Amino acid sequence: MDAVAVLTIDDEETVQNILTAFVHRYMKGKGLECQVRAISDPVQGLFELSTNGEHYAVILLDVRLPKLTGDEIYNSLIHVNPGLIDRVMFVTGYPDDIVERFPDQPLKILQKPFRYEQFAQSMDDILNA
C-alpha cells in the first residue's frame, strides 16, 4: 500500500513539528503509512504544489505567511490546479480572514490553537470527502 502523502506549509517550526507529529499519530491510528513534507517558505510551497501537487492527499496550509500568504496560494490553486483545493485544510488562528476572502468556497479550517481530537476530525473530513 502506498503511503499517504501530506504537505504542510507553515513558517513556524513549532507548528510544523506539531502538525507532523499529529499526522503520524493520526495515520498510525488508521493503520496507514504516511510521508510528511514540511515547507516553511510559502514560495517554495507553491512551487511544490505546482509541480507535485497531485502527489499529496492533504495540504495543511497556514494563512499568515511572509512573502506569499496562504490565501494567495489557495487562490492560485483555484485557477491553476482546482483539483487540489478539496485537499487543502487551512491551519490558522484567524479563520474569519479566510472565510471573508473566499465566501463561496467550502473551506476546511483547523483553528489554532487546536487539540489532537480537532485535528483528527479535520483529517477525517478531508480524507473521507
N, C-alpha and C. Protein backbone atom coordinates (compact mmCIF):
# COMPACT_ATOMS: atom_id res chain seq x y z
N MET A 1 0.84 -1.19 0.00
CA MET A 1 0.00 0.00 0.00
C MET A 1 0.88 1.25 0.00
N ASP A 2 0.51 2.21 -0.80
CA ASP A 2 1.26 3.46 -0.86
C ASP A 2 1.04 4.27 0.41
N ALA A 3 2.05 5.04 0.76
CA ALA A 3 1.94 5.93 1.91
C ALA A 3 1.06 7.12 1.54
N VAL A 4 0.33 7.63 2.50
CA VAL A 4 -0.48 8.83 2.31
C VAL A 4 0.47 10.02 2.44
N ALA A 5 0.54 10.84 1.39
CA ALA A 5 1.44 11.98 1.39
C ALA A 5 0.72 13.23 1.89
N VAL A 6 1.37 13.94 2.82
CA VAL A 6 0.81 15.16 3.40
C VAL A 6 1.86 16.26 3.26
N LEU A 7 1.41 17.43 2.82
CA LEU A 7 2.28 18.60 2.71
C LEU A 7 1.83 19.63 3.73
N THR A 8 2.78 20.16 4.52
CA THR A 8 2.46 21.26 5.41
C THR A 8 3.26 22.48 4.96
N ILE A 9 2.58 23.61 4.91
CA ILE A 9 3.23 24.88 4.58
C ILE A 9 2.93 25.83 5.73
N ASP A 10 3.94 26.05 6.56
CA ASP A 10 3.80 26.91 7.74
C ASP A 10 5.17 27.43 8.09
N ASP A 11 5.27 28.73 8.38
CA ASP A 11 6.57 29.35 8.65
C ASP A 11 7.02 29.17 10.10
N GLU A 12 6.16 28.64 10.96
CA GLU A 12 6.52 28.45 12.36
C GLU A 12 6.96 27.01 12.58
N GLU A 13 8.22 26.84 12.99
CA GLU A 13 8.77 25.49 13.19
C GLU A 13 7.99 24.71 14.23
N THR A 14 7.56 25.37 15.30
CA THR A 14 6.79 24.69 16.35
C THR A 14 5.50 24.11 15.79
N VAL A 15 4.80 24.90 14.98
CA VAL A 15 3.54 24.42 14.38
C VAL A 15 3.84 23.27 13.41
N GLN A 16 4.91 23.39 12.62
CA GLN A 16 5.30 22.31 11.71
C GLN A 16 5.52 21.01 12.49
N ASN A 17 6.23 21.11 13.61
CA ASN A 17 6.53 19.92 14.41
C ASN A 17 5.26 19.29 14.97
N ILE A 18 4.35 20.12 15.45
CA ILE A 18 3.07 19.61 15.98
C ILE A 18 2.26 18.95 14.87
N LEU A 19 2.14 19.62 13.73
CA LEU A 19 1.38 19.06 12.61
C LEU A 19 1.97 17.72 12.16
N THR A 20 3.29 17.67 12.04
CA THR A 20 3.95 16.43 11.61
C THR A 20 3.69 15.30 12.61
N ALA A 21 3.82 15.60 13.90
CA ALA A 21 3.58 14.59 14.94
C ALA A 21 2.12 14.13 14.91
N PHE A 22 1.19 15.07 14.76
CA PHE A 22 -0.23 14.73 14.71
C PHE A 22 -0.56 13.90 13.47
N VAL A 23 0.03 14.22 12.32
CA VAL A 23 -0.21 13.44 11.11
C VAL A 23 0.25 12.00 11.33
N HIS A 24 1.45 11.84 11.87
CA HIS A 24 1.96 10.48 12.12
C HIS A 24 1.07 9.72 13.10
N ARG A 25 0.64 10.39 14.17
CA ARG A 25 -0.24 9.75 15.16
C ARG A 25 -1.57 9.35 14.52
N TYR A 26 -2.13 10.26 13.73
CA TYR A 26 -3.41 10.01 13.06
C TYR A 26 -3.30 8.81 12.11
N MET A 27 -2.30 8.83 11.25
CA MET A 27 -2.15 7.77 10.25
C MET A 27 -1.87 6.42 10.92
N LYS A 28 -1.05 6.42 11.97
CA LYS A 28 -0.76 5.18 12.71
C LYS A 28 -2.05 4.62 13.29
N GLY A 29 -2.89 5.50 13.83
CA GLY A 29 -4.17 5.09 14.39
C GLY A 29 -5.11 4.50 13.35
N LYS A 30 -4.94 4.89 12.09
CA LYS A 30 -5.76 4.37 10.99
C LYS A 30 -5.09 3.18 10.31
N GLY A 31 -3.89 2.82 10.79
CA GLY A 31 -3.16 1.71 10.18
C GLY A 31 -2.58 2.07 8.82
N LEU A 32 -2.29 3.35 8.61
CA LEU A 32 -1.77 3.82 7.32
C LEU A 32 -0.33 4.30 7.44
N GLU A 33 0.42 4.08 6.39
CA GLU A 33 1.76 4.66 6.29
C GLU A 33 1.59 6.10 5.81
N CYS A 34 2.53 6.96 6.19
CA CYS A 34 2.43 8.34 5.70
C CYS A 34 3.81 8.93 5.45
N GLN A 35 3.83 9.91 4.59
CA GLN A 35 5.00 10.73 4.33
C GLN A 35 4.57 12.17 4.55
N VAL A 36 5.34 12.91 5.33
CA VAL A 36 5.02 14.32 5.56
C VAL A 36 6.17 15.16 5.01
N ARG A 37 5.83 16.11 4.18
CA ARG A 37 6.82 17.08 3.68
C ARG A 37 6.45 18.43 4.30
N ALA A 38 7.37 18.98 5.07
CA ALA A 38 7.14 20.26 5.74
C ALA A 38 7.96 21.35 5.03
N ILE A 39 7.26 22.39 4.60
CA ILE A 39 7.92 23.50 3.92
C ILE A 39 7.59 24.78 4.67
N SER A 40 8.61 25.57 4.99
CA SER A 40 8.40 26.82 5.72
C SER A 40 8.33 28.04 4.80
N ASP A 41 8.87 27.94 3.60
CA ASP A 41 8.87 29.05 2.65
C ASP A 41 7.65 28.92 1.73
N PRO A 42 6.71 29.86 1.79
CA PRO A 42 5.48 29.74 1.00
C PRO A 42 5.72 29.73 -0.51
N VAL A 43 6.75 30.42 -0.98
CA VAL A 43 7.06 30.42 -2.41
C VAL A 43 7.48 29.01 -2.83
N GLN A 44 8.32 28.39 -2.01
CA GLN A 44 8.73 27.00 -2.27
C GLN A 44 7.52 26.07 -2.18
N GLY A 45 6.62 26.35 -1.24
CA GLY A 45 5.40 25.55 -1.10
C GLY A 45 4.53 25.62 -2.34
N LEU A 46 4.35 26.81 -2.88
CA LEU A 46 3.55 26.97 -4.10
C LEU A 46 4.22 26.24 -5.26
N PHE A 47 5.54 26.33 -5.36
CA PHE A 47 6.26 25.62 -6.41
C PHE A 47 6.05 24.11 -6.27
N GLU A 48 6.13 23.60 -5.04
CA GLU A 48 5.92 22.17 -4.79
C GLU A 48 4.51 21.76 -5.22
N LEU A 49 3.52 22.59 -4.89
CA LEU A 49 2.14 22.29 -5.29
C LEU A 49 1.97 22.34 -6.80
N SER A 50 2.67 23.27 -7.44
CA SER A 50 2.57 23.42 -8.89
C SER A 50 3.19 22.23 -9.62
N THR A 51 4.26 21.68 -9.05
CA THR A 51 4.97 20.60 -9.73
C THR A 51 4.55 19.20 -9.26
N ASN A 52 4.21 19.06 -7.98
CA ASN A 52 3.92 17.74 -7.42
C ASN A 52 2.61 17.69 -6.64
N GLY A 53 1.73 18.65 -6.83
CA GLY A 53 0.52 18.76 -6.02
C GLY A 53 -0.36 17.52 -6.00
N GLU A 54 -0.45 16.83 -7.13
CA GLU A 54 -1.32 15.64 -7.21
C GLU A 54 -0.84 14.52 -6.29
N HIS A 55 0.42 14.59 -5.88
CA HIS A 55 1.02 13.57 -5.01
C HIS A 55 0.43 13.62 -3.59
N TYR A 56 -0.07 14.79 -3.18
CA TYR A 56 -0.49 14.98 -1.79
C TYR A 56 -1.99 14.75 -1.60
N ALA A 57 -2.31 13.94 -0.60
CA ALA A 57 -3.72 13.69 -0.25
C ALA A 57 -4.26 14.82 0.63
N VAL A 58 -3.36 15.43 1.42
CA VAL A 58 -3.75 16.52 2.33
C VAL A 58 -2.70 17.61 2.25
N ILE A 59 -3.18 18.86 2.21
CA ILE A 59 -2.31 20.03 2.19
C ILE A 59 -2.71 20.90 3.38
N LEU A 60 -1.83 20.99 4.38
CA LEU A 60 -2.08 21.80 5.57
C LEU A 60 -1.42 23.15 5.35
N LEU A 61 -2.22 24.20 5.30
CA LEU A 61 -1.75 25.50 4.83
C LEU A 61 -2.02 26.60 5.85
N ASP A 62 -0.95 27.24 6.30
CA ASP A 62 -1.07 28.41 7.16
C ASP A 62 -1.59 29.57 6.30
N VAL A 63 -2.19 30.56 6.92
CA VAL A 63 -2.71 31.72 6.17
C VAL A 63 -1.71 32.87 6.22
N ARG A 64 -1.29 33.22 7.41
CA ARG A 64 -0.40 34.38 7.57
C ARG A 64 1.05 33.94 7.44
N LEU A 65 1.55 34.08 6.22
CA LEU A 65 2.91 33.68 5.87
C LEU A 65 3.65 34.89 5.29
N PRO A 66 4.98 34.92 5.41
CA PRO A 66 5.75 36.00 4.79
C PRO A 66 5.85 35.80 3.27
N LYS A 67 5.97 36.86 2.53
CA LYS A 67 6.18 36.86 1.07
C LYS A 67 4.94 36.48 0.26
N LEU A 68 4.26 35.42 0.66
CA LEU A 68 3.12 34.90 -0.08
C LEU A 68 2.18 34.29 0.95
N THR A 69 0.95 34.79 1.03
CA THR A 69 0.03 34.30 2.07
C THR A 69 -0.65 33.00 1.64
N GLY A 70 -1.18 32.30 2.63
CA GLY A 70 -1.89 31.06 2.34
C GLY A 70 -3.09 31.27 1.43
N ASP A 71 -3.78 32.40 1.60
CA ASP A 71 -4.93 32.63 0.71
C ASP A 71 -4.48 32.93 -0.71
N GLU A 72 -3.30 33.51 -0.88
CA GLU A 72 -2.77 33.71 -2.24
C GLU A 72 -2.39 32.37 -2.87
N ILE A 73 -1.83 31.47 -2.08
CA ILE A 73 -1.52 30.13 -2.59
C ILE A 73 -2.81 29.42 -2.99
N TYR A 74 -3.82 29.50 -2.11
CA TYR A 74 -5.12 28.87 -2.38
C TYR A 74 -5.75 29.45 -3.65
N ASN A 75 -5.72 30.77 -3.77
CA ASN A 75 -6.28 31.43 -4.94
C ASN A 75 -5.57 30.96 -6.22
N SER A 76 -4.27 30.80 -6.15
CA SER A 76 -3.50 30.30 -7.28
C SER A 76 -3.97 28.88 -7.64
N LEU A 77 -4.19 28.04 -6.64
CA LEU A 77 -4.66 26.68 -6.90
C LEU A 77 -6.04 26.67 -7.57
N ILE A 78 -6.91 27.57 -7.15
CA ILE A 78 -8.24 27.65 -7.75
C ILE A 78 -8.11 27.83 -9.26
N HIS A 79 -7.16 28.67 -9.68
CA HIS A 79 -7.00 28.99 -11.10
C HIS A 79 -6.11 28.01 -11.85
N VAL A 80 -5.10 27.46 -11.18
CA VAL A 80 -4.10 26.64 -11.86
C VAL A 80 -4.36 25.15 -11.70
N ASN A 81 -4.77 24.73 -10.51
CA ASN A 81 -4.98 23.31 -10.24
C ASN A 81 -6.17 23.13 -9.30
N PRO A 82 -7.39 23.40 -9.80
CA PRO A 82 -8.57 23.36 -8.93
C PRO A 82 -8.85 21.98 -8.32
N GLY A 83 -8.28 20.94 -8.88
CA GLY A 83 -8.45 19.60 -8.32
C GLY A 83 -7.83 19.44 -6.94
N LEU A 84 -6.94 20.36 -6.58
CA LEU A 84 -6.27 20.27 -5.28
C LEU A 84 -7.01 20.98 -4.15
N ILE A 85 -7.94 21.88 -4.48
CA ILE A 85 -8.50 22.72 -3.41
C ILE A 85 -9.29 21.93 -2.37
N ASP A 86 -9.84 20.79 -2.75
CA ASP A 86 -10.55 19.96 -1.78
C ASP A 86 -9.61 19.28 -0.80
N ARG A 87 -8.32 19.30 -1.09
CA ARG A 87 -7.31 18.67 -0.23
C ARG A 87 -6.70 19.66 0.76
N VAL A 88 -7.06 20.93 0.61
CA VAL A 88 -6.46 21.98 1.44
C VAL A 88 -7.21 22.15 2.75
N MET A 89 -6.45 22.14 3.84
CA MET A 89 -7.00 22.50 5.14
C MET A 89 -6.18 23.67 5.66
N PHE A 90 -6.86 24.80 5.84
CA PHE A 90 -6.19 25.97 6.41
C PHE A 90 -5.97 25.74 7.90
N VAL A 91 -4.78 26.08 8.37
CA VAL A 91 -4.45 25.98 9.79
C VAL A 91 -4.14 27.41 10.21
N THR A 92 -5.09 28.03 10.93
CA THR A 92 -4.97 29.46 11.20
C THR A 92 -5.62 29.86 12.51
N GLY A 93 -5.09 30.90 13.08
CA GLY A 93 -5.72 31.50 14.26
C GLY A 93 -6.74 32.55 13.87
N TYR A 94 -6.87 32.80 12.56
CA TYR A 94 -7.74 33.87 12.05
C TYR A 94 -8.68 33.34 10.97
N PRO A 95 -9.61 32.47 11.35
CA PRO A 95 -10.47 31.84 10.34
C PRO A 95 -11.36 32.84 9.59
N ASP A 96 -11.75 33.93 10.25
CA ASP A 96 -12.63 34.88 9.59
C ASP A 96 -11.97 35.52 8.38
N ASP A 97 -10.66 35.72 8.44
CA ASP A 97 -9.93 36.30 7.31
C ASP A 97 -10.14 35.47 6.05
N ILE A 98 -10.03 34.17 6.19
CA ILE A 98 -10.10 33.29 5.04
C ILE A 98 -11.54 33.11 4.56
N VAL A 99 -12.49 33.09 5.48
CA VAL A 99 -13.90 32.97 5.10
C VAL A 99 -14.35 34.21 4.34
N GLU A 100 -13.90 35.38 4.78
CA GLU A 100 -14.24 36.62 4.07
C GLU A 100 -13.64 36.65 2.67
N ARG A 101 -12.45 36.12 2.54
CA ARG A 101 -11.75 36.15 1.24
C ARG A 101 -12.38 35.20 0.23
N PHE A 102 -12.90 34.06 0.69
CA PHE A 102 -13.48 33.05 -0.19
C PHE A 102 -14.89 32.67 0.27
N PRO A 103 -15.85 33.61 0.20
CA PRO A 103 -17.18 33.35 0.76
C PRO A 103 -17.94 32.23 0.04
N ASP A 104 -17.59 31.95 -1.20
CA ASP A 104 -18.33 30.94 -1.97
C ASP A 104 -17.64 29.58 -2.01
N GLN A 105 -16.52 29.45 -1.30
CA GLN A 105 -15.78 28.19 -1.30
C GLN A 105 -16.11 27.40 -0.04
N PRO A 106 -16.26 26.07 -0.16
CA PRO A 106 -16.46 25.22 1.02
C PRO A 106 -15.10 24.96 1.68
N LEU A 107 -14.70 25.83 2.56
CA LEU A 107 -13.36 25.78 3.15
C LEU A 107 -13.26 24.80 4.30
N LYS A 108 -12.09 24.19 4.42
CA LYS A 108 -11.78 23.34 5.57
C LYS A 108 -10.79 24.13 6.41
N ILE A 109 -11.16 24.40 7.66
CA ILE A 109 -10.34 25.25 8.52
C ILE A 109 -10.13 24.57 9.87
N LEU A 110 -8.87 24.46 10.25
CA LEU A 110 -8.50 24.00 11.58
C LEU A 110 -8.00 25.23 12.33
N GLN A 111 -8.76 25.63 13.34
CA GLN A 111 -8.43 26.88 14.04
C GLN A 111 -7.39 26.65 15.12
N LYS A 112 -6.32 27.46 15.09
CA LYS A 112 -5.31 27.46 16.15
C LYS A 112 -5.86 28.24 17.33
N PRO A 113 -5.56 27.87 18.55
CA PRO A 113 -4.88 26.62 18.91
C PRO A 113 -5.85 25.45 18.80
N PHE A 114 -5.34 24.29 18.51
CA PHE A 114 -6.20 23.12 18.35
C PHE A 114 -5.64 21.95 19.15
N ARG A 115 -6.51 21.01 19.45
CA ARG A 115 -6.12 19.78 20.14
C ARG A 115 -6.12 18.64 19.12
N TYR A 116 -5.53 17.54 19.52
CA TYR A 116 -5.44 16.40 18.61
C TYR A 116 -6.82 15.96 18.11
N GLU A 117 -7.82 15.95 18.99
CA GLU A 117 -9.16 15.49 18.60
C GLU A 117 -9.71 16.35 17.46
N GLN A 118 -9.51 17.67 17.52
CA GLN A 118 -9.98 18.55 16.45
C GLN A 118 -9.21 18.27 15.15
N PHE A 119 -7.90 18.07 15.30
CA PHE A 119 -7.07 17.74 14.14
C PHE A 119 -7.55 16.45 13.48
N ALA A 120 -7.78 15.42 14.29
CA ALA A 120 -8.20 14.12 13.76
C ALA A 120 -9.55 14.23 13.05
N GLN A 121 -10.48 14.98 13.61
CA GLN A 121 -11.78 15.17 12.97
C GLN A 121 -11.60 15.89 11.62
N SER A 122 -10.74 16.88 11.58
CA SER A 122 -10.49 17.60 10.34
C SER A 122 -9.84 16.68 9.29
N MET A 123 -8.94 15.83 9.73
CA MET A 123 -8.32 14.87 8.81
C MET A 123 -9.35 13.89 8.28
N ASP A 124 -10.25 13.41 9.16
CA ASP A 124 -11.34 12.53 8.72
C ASP A 124 -12.15 13.22 7.62
N ASP A 125 -12.50 14.48 7.87
CA ASP A 125 -13.33 15.23 6.91
C ASP A 125 -12.65 15.34 5.55
N ILE A 126 -11.36 15.61 5.55
CA ILE A 126 -10.66 15.82 4.29
C ILE A 126 -10.38 14.50 3.56
N LEU A 127 -10.05 13.46 4.31
CA LEU A 127 -9.73 12.18 3.66
C LEU A 127 -10.97 11.38 3.26
N ASN A 128 -12.09 11.65 3.92
CA ASN A 128 -13.33 10.93 3.58
C ASN A 128 -14.21 11.68 2.60
N ALA A 129 -13.76 12.85 2.18
CA ALA A 129 -14.57 13.68 1.25
C ALA A 129 -14.60 13.04 -0.13
